[in-house]
């Protein structure tokens, strides 16, 4: 039973990181119209998303 919980948690974390990166890149590109900023903000992932929500 513990092994199943671990597998579900690992998949959830990977999905969350991927979604956070994609969301950060879309927000960044829409705001700044720059691929380089989008890549940079994608690396920051949820940090940039949270910053954007609080700032704007």
N, C-alpha and C. Protein backbone atom coordinates (compact mmCIF):
# COMPACT_ATOMS: atom_id res chain seq x y z
N UNK A 1 0.82 -1.19 0.00
CA UNK A 1 0.00 0.00 0.00
C UNK A 1 0.87 1.26 0.00
N UNK A 2 1.95 1.27 0.75
CA UNK A 2 2.84 2.44 0.81
C UNK A 2 3.49 2.70 -0.55
N UNK A 3 3.82 1.63 -1.26
CA UNK A 3 4.46 1.78 -2.57
C UNK A 3 3.52 2.48 -3.54
N UNK A 4 2.24 2.16 -3.50
CA UNK A 4 1.24 2.78 -4.36
C UNK A 4 1.11 4.27 -4.05
N UNK A 5 1.13 4.64 -2.78
CA UNK A 5 1.05 6.06 -2.38
C UNK A 5 2.27 6.82 -2.88
N UNK A 6 3.43 6.20 -2.80
CA UNK A 6 4.66 6.84 -3.26
C UNK A 6 4.60 7.09 -4.76
N UNK A 7 4.13 6.12 -5.52
CA UNK A 7 4.02 6.28 -6.97
C UNK A 7 3.06 7.40 -7.32
N UNK A 8 1.93 7.48 -6.66
CA UNK A 8 0.96 8.54 -6.92
C UNK A 8 1.56 9.90 -6.58
N UNK A 9 2.27 10.00 -5.47
CA UNK A 9 2.89 11.26 -5.06
C UNK A 9 3.96 11.69 -6.07
N UNK A 10 4.76 10.76 -6.55
CA UNK A 10 5.80 11.10 -7.53
C UNK A 10 5.19 11.62 -8.82
N UNK A 11 4.12 10.97 -9.30
CA UNK A 11 3.46 11.42 -10.52
C UNK A 11 2.84 12.79 -10.33
N UNK A 12 2.26 13.03 -9.18
CA UNK A 12 1.64 14.33 -8.90
C UNK A 12 2.68 15.44 -8.89
N UNK A 13 3.81 15.19 -8.27
CA UNK A 13 4.87 16.20 -8.20
C UNK A 13 5.40 16.49 -9.60
N UNK A 14 5.64 15.47 -10.40
CA UNK A 14 6.13 15.69 -11.77
C UNK A 14 5.14 16.48 -12.60
N UNK A 15 3.87 16.17 -12.47
CA UNK A 15 2.83 16.88 -13.21
C UNK A 15 2.75 18.33 -12.75
N UNK A 16 2.84 18.56 -11.46
CA UNK A 16 2.78 19.92 -10.92
C UNK A 16 3.93 20.77 -11.39
N UNK A 17 5.12 20.19 -11.45
CA UNK A 17 6.29 20.93 -11.91
C UNK A 17 6.14 21.26 -13.39
N UNK A 18 5.69 20.32 -14.18
CA UNK A 18 5.52 20.54 -15.61
C UNK A 18 4.45 21.60 -15.86
N UNK A 19 3.33 21.50 -15.17
CA UNK A 19 2.25 22.48 -15.35
C UNK A 19 2.71 23.86 -14.92
N UNK A 20 3.43 23.94 -13.82
CA UNK A 20 3.93 25.23 -13.33
C UNK A 20 4.87 25.89 -14.32
N UNK A 21 5.75 25.11 -14.91
CA UNK A 21 6.68 25.64 -15.91
C UNK A 21 5.93 26.14 -17.14
N UNK A 22 4.99 25.34 -17.62
CA UNK A 22 4.22 25.74 -18.80
C UNK A 22 3.40 27.00 -18.52
N UNK A 23 2.78 27.06 -17.37
CA UNK A 23 1.99 28.23 -17.00
C UNK A 23 2.86 29.47 -16.90
N UNK A 24 4.02 29.34 -16.28
CA UNK A 24 4.94 30.48 -16.15
C UNK A 24 5.40 30.96 -17.52
N UNK A 25 5.67 30.03 -18.42
CA UNK A 25 6.13 30.42 -19.76
C UNK A 25 5.03 31.14 -20.55
N UNK A 26 3.81 30.66 -20.44
CA UNK A 26 2.70 31.31 -21.14
C UNK A 26 2.45 32.71 -20.59
N UNK A 27 2.42 32.83 -19.28
CA UNK A 27 2.22 34.15 -18.66
C UNK A 27 3.34 35.10 -19.07
N UNK A 28 4.56 34.62 -19.01
CA UNK A 28 5.70 35.45 -19.34
C UNK A 28 5.67 35.89 -20.80
N UNK A 29 5.43 34.97 -21.71
CA UNK A 29 5.43 35.33 -23.13
C UNK A 29 4.29 36.29 -23.45
N UNK A 30 3.13 36.07 -22.84
CA UNK A 30 2.00 36.95 -23.06
C UNK A 30 2.29 38.36 -22.55
N UNK A 31 2.96 38.43 -21.42
CA UNK A 31 3.26 39.73 -20.81
C UNK A 31 4.40 40.45 -21.50
N UNK A 32 5.52 39.77 -21.72
CA UNK A 32 6.74 40.42 -22.20
C UNK A 32 7.04 40.22 -23.68
N UNK A 33 6.35 39.30 -24.34
CA UNK A 33 6.57 39.02 -25.77
C UNK A 33 8.03 38.69 -26.08
N UNK A 34 8.64 37.89 -25.20
CA UNK A 34 10.04 37.52 -25.38
C UNK A 34 10.22 36.04 -25.06
N UNK A 35 10.81 35.33 -26.00
CA UNK A 35 11.07 33.90 -25.79
C UNK A 35 12.08 33.70 -24.68
N UNK A 36 13.09 34.54 -24.62
CA UNK A 36 14.14 34.38 -23.60
C UNK A 36 13.59 34.56 -22.20
N UNK A 37 12.74 35.58 -22.01
CA UNK A 37 12.12 35.76 -20.70
C UNK A 37 11.21 34.58 -20.37
N UNK A 38 10.52 34.06 -21.38
CA UNK A 38 9.64 32.91 -21.16
C UNK A 38 10.44 31.68 -20.70
N UNK A 39 11.59 31.46 -21.30
CA UNK A 39 12.44 30.34 -20.89
C UNK A 39 12.93 30.54 -19.47
N UNK A 40 13.40 31.74 -19.17
CA UNK A 40 13.89 32.04 -17.83
C UNK A 40 12.79 31.86 -16.78
N UNK A 41 11.61 32.39 -17.06
CA UNK A 41 10.51 32.28 -16.11
C UNK A 41 10.00 30.84 -16.03
N UNK A 42 10.12 30.08 -17.11
CA UNK A 42 9.77 28.67 -17.07
C UNK A 42 10.66 27.90 -16.13
N UNK A 43 11.93 28.28 -16.07
CA UNK A 43 12.86 27.65 -15.13
C UNK A 43 12.50 27.98 -13.69
N UNK A 44 11.97 29.18 -13.47
CA UNK A 44 11.55 29.57 -12.13
C UNK A 44 10.23 28.91 -11.73
N UNK A 45 9.45 28.53 -12.74
CA UNK A 45 8.21 27.78 -12.55
C UNK A 45 7.22 28.48 -11.62
N UNK A 46 6.82 27.82 -10.53
CA UNK A 46 5.78 28.33 -9.64
C UNK A 46 6.20 29.61 -8.95
N UNK A 47 7.48 29.85 -8.80
CA UNK A 47 7.94 31.09 -8.16
C UNK A 47 7.47 32.29 -8.98
N UNK A 48 7.63 32.21 -10.30
CA UNK A 48 7.20 33.32 -11.15
C UNK A 48 5.67 33.42 -11.19
N UNK A 49 4.97 32.29 -11.22
CA UNK A 49 3.51 32.32 -11.25
C UNK A 49 2.97 33.01 -9.99
N UNK A 50 3.50 32.66 -8.85
CA UNK A 50 3.06 33.27 -7.59
C UNK A 50 3.42 34.76 -7.58
N UNK A 51 4.62 35.11 -8.02
CA UNK A 51 5.02 36.51 -8.12
C UNK A 51 4.06 37.29 -9.02
N UNK A 52 3.73 36.72 -10.17
CA UNK A 52 2.85 37.40 -11.11
C UNK A 52 1.46 37.63 -10.51
N UNK A 53 0.93 36.63 -9.83
CA UNK A 53 -0.39 36.75 -9.20
C UNK A 53 -0.37 37.84 -8.13
N UNK A 54 0.67 37.88 -7.32
CA UNK A 54 0.75 38.88 -6.26
C UNK A 54 1.00 40.28 -6.80
N UNK A 55 1.80 40.36 -7.84
CA UNK A 55 2.19 41.66 -8.39
C UNK A 55 1.10 42.30 -9.25
N UNK A 56 0.44 41.49 -10.09
CA UNK A 56 -0.54 42.03 -11.02
C UNK A 56 -1.90 41.55 -10.63
